[in-house]
Amino acid sequence: MKIEVVATAQQVVEEQVEGKTVVVIDVLRATSVMVTALCNGASRVIPVLSPEEAFELSNEIEEDIILGGERHAEPIEGFDYGNSPLSYTPDVIEGKVLIMTTTNGTLAIKNALAAKELMVASFINDKAIAQYLSAKEEVVIVCSGNNGLYTLEDALCAGRIITLIKQLERNVHLCDLALSLEQLYFLNSDHLLEFAVKGHHYNVLKKKGYEKDLQYCFRSGVTDVIPMWDGNALKNNSRL
């Protein structure tokens, strides 16, 4: 088994992901929202690149729609909700289509569409993701990053998923970045949140008052839901 890691959404190129199993991570907070929304009953999540595309698509779909997302951690004017996973409770999202655009996470997904299999992960579904990936031959983990820059939280999540995979599958070859992130997680696994609070994006969200989001997004194994790309949208893997 081979595992490669891409540090940011902007660094993804088709040749890296084509024909492989790809996992996109955006812990704070896009993929945490997507996992939560599907866990709480959303029929599907459609990632788009811009608010304009989201509005246009919402007029084409004859189903109950929720518009969600952010730009630079701020809610988007005219959208129903922002990028807090805690907003997407069952009474809000069950049976509805979530159309979502974010600064980094949805870009990472769009850049990885050449993958053989495409899914999204966060700490909240880390164990299910690792279990699924442990049977694959070629895996690429895409850390979304923040505006083209490496982020600590995505790196730690990638490192945890790699660690969990290696507990299930002994014969694993890691690229240099994957090796680095495995060690980063190992060295901080006993005090993960205390280390994560040093991250730049973590502190941006903390200053904006999203402490409850931050606590939630670093919880491990909250759900077994794996959002899987079906060619048009992300869906709960148990319903595919």
Protein backbone atom coordinates (compact mmCIF):
# COMPACT_ATOMS: atom_id res chain seq x y z
CA MET A 1 0.00 0.00 0.00
CA LYS A 2 1.27 3.47 -0.90
CA ILE A 3 0.19 6.71 0.76
CA GLU A 4 0.99 10.13 -0.64
CA VAL A 5 0.07 13.48 0.91
CA VAL A 6 -0.55 16.79 -0.82
CA ALA A 7 -0.07 19.81 1.46
CA THR A 8 -2.69 22.22 0.03
CA ALA A 9 -5.65 22.33 -2.34
CA GLN A 10 -3.69 24.46 -4.78
CA GLN A 11 -0.95 21.84 -5.13
CA VAL A 12 -3.26 19.09 -6.39
CA VAL A 13 -2.60 18.10 -9.99
CA GLU A 14 -4.52 15.56 -12.03
CA GLU A 15 -1.56 13.21 -12.44
CA GLN A 16 -1.27 12.82 -8.66
CA VAL A 17 -4.85 11.69 -8.11
CA GLU A 18 -5.92 10.01 -11.34
CA GLY A 19 -6.92 6.38 -10.79
CA LYS A 20 -6.25 6.54 -7.04
CA THR A 21 -8.29 6.66 -3.86
CA VAL A 22 -8.27 10.26 -2.66
CA VAL A 23 -9.24 11.68 0.71
CA VAL A 24 -9.74 15.43 1.17
CA ILE A 25 -9.25 16.91 4.65
CA ASP A 26 -10.35 20.36 5.79
CA VAL A 27 -10.72 20.02 9.54
CA LEU A 28 -11.55 23.71 10.09
CA ARG A 29 -14.17 23.41 8.88
CA ALA A 30 -15.47 22.32 5.47
CA THR A 31 -15.09 18.56 5.66
CA SER A 32 -16.25 18.58 9.28
CA VAL A 33 -19.44 20.26 8.05
CA MET A 34 -19.89 17.78 5.18
CA VAL A 35 -19.47 14.74 7.41
CA THR A 36 -21.82 16.22 10.02
CA ALA A 37 -24.49 17.17 7.47
CA LEU A 38 -24.60 13.68 5.99
CA CYS A 39 -24.51 12.10 9.43
CA ASN A 40 -27.55 14.20 10.36
CA GLY A 41 -29.56 13.17 7.31
CA ALA A 42 -28.66 15.43 4.38
CA SER A 43 -29.51 13.67 1.13
CA ARG A 44 -26.28 14.87 -0.47
CA VAL A 45 -23.67 17.62 -0.40
CA ILE A 46 -22.75 19.44 -3.60
CA PRO A 47 -19.46 21.37 -3.40
CA VAL A 48 -19.12 24.36 -5.73
CA LEU A 49 -16.39 26.92 -6.28
CA SER A 50 -18.27 30.19 -5.89
CA PRO A 51 -21.34 31.73 -4.27
CA GLU A 52 -22.61 32.61 -7.75
CA GLU A 53 -22.47 28.96 -8.78
CA ALA A 54 -24.28 27.99 -5.57
CA PHE A 55 -27.12 30.44 -6.21
CA GLU A 56 -27.44 29.32 -9.82
CA LEU A 57 -27.53 25.64 -8.90
CA SER A 58 -30.09 26.22 -6.17
CA ASN A 59 -32.50 27.51 -8.82
CA GLU A 60 -32.06 24.36 -10.90
CA ILE A 61 -32.68 21.72 -8.22
CA GLU A 62 -36.31 20.95 -7.41
CA GLU A 63 -35.62 19.78 -3.87
CA ASP A 64 -35.25 21.41 -0.48
CA ILE A 65 -31.94 23.28 -0.58
CA ILE A 66 -29.63 24.63 2.10
CA LEU A 67 -26.90 27.05 1.04
CA GLY A 68 -23.88 26.84 3.33
CA GLY A 69 -20.28 27.95 3.44
CA GLU A 70 -17.88 30.81 3.98
CA ARG A 71 -15.33 33.15 2.53
CA HIS A 72 -12.31 33.82 4.72
CA ALA A 73 -14.17 32.32 7.73
CA GLU A 74 -17.12 34.72 7.33
CA PRO A 75 -20.70 33.70 6.38
CA ILE A 76 -21.72 34.50 2.80
CA GLU A 77 -24.45 37.08 2.24
CA GLY A 78 -27.66 35.41 1.10
CA PHE A 79 -26.66 31.95 2.34
CA ASP A 80 -28.71 30.07 4.92
CA TYR A 81 -25.79 29.05 7.11
CA GLY A 82 -22.08 29.57 7.45
CA ASN A 83 -19.33 27.01 7.95
CA SER A 84 -20.10 25.83 11.47
CA PRO A 85 -20.77 22.09 11.69
CA LEU A 86 -22.92 22.75 14.75
CA SER A 87 -25.43 24.61 12.54
CA TYR A 88 -26.30 21.49 10.57
CA THR A 89 -28.50 19.72 13.10
CA PRO A 90 -31.00 17.04 12.01
CA ASP A 91 -33.94 19.45 12.17
CA VAL A 92 -32.08 21.80 9.80
CA ILE A 93 -30.55 19.42 7.27
CA GLU A 94 -32.41 16.09 7.25
CA GLY A 95 -33.63 15.19 3.76
CA LYS A 96 -32.18 18.34 2.20
CA VAL A 97 -29.47 19.05 -0.33
CA LEU A 98 -26.53 21.06 1.01
CA ILE A 99 -24.89 23.23 -1.65
CA MET A 100 -21.62 24.37 -0.21
CA THR A 101 -18.73 26.64 -1.11
CA THR A 102 -15.71 27.42 1.05
CA THR A 103 -12.36 29.09 0.63
CA ASN A 104 -10.29 25.91 0.62
CA GLY A 105 -12.15 22.63 1.11
CA THR A 106 -14.43 22.76 -1.91
CA LEU A 107 -11.49 23.81 -4.09
CA ALA A 108 -9.54 20.75 -2.92
CA ILE A 109 -12.46 18.50 -3.85
CA LYS A 110 -12.84 20.04 -7.29
CA ASN A 111 -9.12 19.71 -7.96
CA ALA A 112 -9.26 15.99 -7.09
CA LEU A 113 -12.16 14.91 -9.30
CA ALA A 114 -9.91 12.74 -11.48
CA ALA A 115 -9.62 10.27 -8.61
CA LYS A 116 -10.87 6.71 -8.93
CA GLU A 117 -12.57 7.16 -5.56
CA LEU A 118 -13.02 10.48 -3.78
CA MET A 119 -14.14 11.03 -0.21
CA VAL A 120 -13.76 13.59 2.57
CA ALA A 121 -12.47 13.18 6.09
CA SER A 122 -11.99 14.97 9.36
CA PHE A 123 -11.21 13.87 12.87
CA ILE A 124 -14.89 13.15 13.42
CA ASN A 125 -14.87 10.22 10.96
CA ASP A 126 -11.17 9.33 11.14
CA LYS A 127 -11.61 5.73 12.30
CA ALA A 128 -14.10 4.84 9.56
CA ILE A 129 -11.86 6.44 6.94
CA ALA A 130 -8.81 4.52 8.11
CA GLN A 131 -10.72 1.25 8.10
CA TYR A 132 -11.90 1.86 4.54
CA LEU A 133 -8.50 2.94 3.25
CA SER A 134 -6.63 0.04 4.81
CA ALA A 135 -7.75 -2.23 1.96
CA LYS A 136 -6.62 0.14 -0.83
CA GLU A 137 -3.40 0.03 -2.86
CA GLU A 138 -2.81 3.71 -3.72
CA VAL A 139 -4.08 6.47 -1.47
CA VAL A 140 -3.61 10.22 -1.76
CA ILE A 141 -4.48 12.40 1.23
CA VAL A 142 -5.17 15.99 0.23
CA CYS A 143 -4.84 18.56 3.01
CA SER A 144 -6.85 21.61 1.97
CA GLY A 145 -4.69 24.13 3.79
CA ASN A 146 -5.57 27.79 4.02
CA ASN A 147 -5.22 30.05 0.98
CA GLY A 148 -2.38 27.98 -0.41
CA LEU A 149 -0.58 27.56 2.92
CA TYR A 150 -0.01 24.43 5.02
CA THR A 151 -2.23 24.20 8.09
CA LEU A 152 -1.44 22.42 11.32
CA GLU A 153 -4.91 20.95 11.88
CA ASP A 154 -5.08 19.24 8.48
CA ALA A 155 -1.55 17.91 8.94
CA LEU A 156 -2.42 16.44 12.34
CA CYS A 157 -5.56 14.80 10.96
CA ALA A 158 -3.61 13.30 8.05
CA GLY A 159 -1.03 12.02 10.50
CA ARG A 160 -3.71 10.42 12.65
CA ILE A 161 -5.35 8.70 9.69
CA ILE A 162 -1.97 7.38 8.54
CA THR A 163 -1.30 6.09 12.06
CA LEU A 164 -4.67 4.34 12.20
CA ILE A 165 -4.12 2.76 8.78
CA LYS A 166 -0.73 1.40 9.86
CA GLN A 167 -2.37 -0.23 12.85
CA LEU A 168 -4.58 -2.15 10.41
CA GLU A 169 -2.15 -2.73 7.53
CA ARG A 170 1.53 -3.45 8.15
CA ASN A 171 2.82 -3.18 4.59
CA VAL A 172 2.50 0.59 4.05
CA HIS A 173 4.91 2.77 2.07
CA LEU A 174 4.77 6.47 2.92
CA CYS A 175 6.03 9.40 0.89
CA ASP A 176 8.30 11.85 2.71
CA LEU A 177 5.49 14.22 3.66
CA ALA A 178 3.34 11.34 4.90
CA LEU A 179 6.26 10.17 7.06
CA SER A 180 6.64 13.68 8.46
CA LEU A 181 2.96 14.00 9.33
CA GLU A 182 2.88 10.56 10.92
CA GLN A 183 5.69 11.68 13.22
CA LEU A 184 4.06 15.06 13.87
CA TYR A 185 0.93 13.30 15.06
CA PHE A 186 2.88 10.70 17.08
CA LEU A 187 4.84 13.35 18.95
CA ASN A 188 1.69 15.28 19.87
CA SER A 189 -0.98 12.58 20.11
CA ASP A 190 -1.10 12.74 23.92
CA HIS A 191 -1.74 16.50 23.89
CA LEU A 192 -3.28 17.03 20.47
CA LEU A 193 -5.56 19.96 21.22
CA GLU A 194 -2.93 21.74 23.29
CA PHE A 195 -0.63 21.59 20.27
CA ALA A 196 -3.34 22.42 17.71
CA VAL A 197 -4.20 25.68 19.48
CA LYS A 198 -0.87 27.06 18.25
CA GLY A 199 -2.06 26.89 14.65
CA HIS A 200 -2.78 30.13 12.78
CA HIS A 201 -6.20 29.19 11.40
CA TYR A 202 -7.26 27.77 14.76
CA ASN A 203 -6.62 31.16 16.32
CA VAL A 204 -8.41 33.03 13.55
CA LEU A 205 -11.55 31.02 14.33
CA LYS A 206 -11.06 31.35 18.08
CA LYS A 207 -10.94 35.14 17.79
CA LYS A 208 -14.18 35.04 15.82
CA GLY A 209 -15.88 33.18 18.66
CA TYR A 210 -16.00 29.65 17.27
CA GLU A 211 -14.64 27.86 20.35
CA LYS A 212 -17.43 25.25 20.30
CA ASP A 213 -16.70 24.47 16.65
CA LEU A 214 -13.03 24.00 17.47
CA GLN A 215 -13.78 21.57 20.29
CA TYR A 216 -16.15 19.59 18.07
CA CYS A 217 -13.85 19.42 15.05
CA PHE A 218 -11.07 17.76 17.04
CA ARG A 219 -13.26 14.97 18.41
CA SER A 220 -12.24 11.57 17.05
CA GLY A 221 -14.58 8.88 15.76
CA VAL A 222 -17.87 10.72 16.20
CA THR A 223 -19.44 8.95 13.20
CA ASP A 224 -18.83 6.13 10.72
CA VAL A 225 -20.20 8.19 7.82
CA ILE A 226 -17.83 8.52 4.86
CA PRO A 227 -18.94 11.15 2.33
CA MET A 228 -18.24 9.57 -1.07
CA TRP A 229 -18.27 11.33 -4.45
CA ASP A 230 -20.75 9.69 -6.86
CA GLY A 231 -19.91 11.83 -9.88
CA ASN A 232 -22.29 14.63 -8.97
CA ALA A 233 -22.31 15.00 -5.20
CA LEU A 234 -21.02 13.65 -1.91
CA LYS A 235 -23.31 11.07 -0.38
CA ASN A 236 -23.39 9.01 2.79
CA ASN A 237 -21.42 5.87 1.89
CA SER A 238 -23.95 3.63 3.65
CA ARG A 239 -26.60 4.74 1.15
CA LEU A 240 -24.60 4.15 -2.02
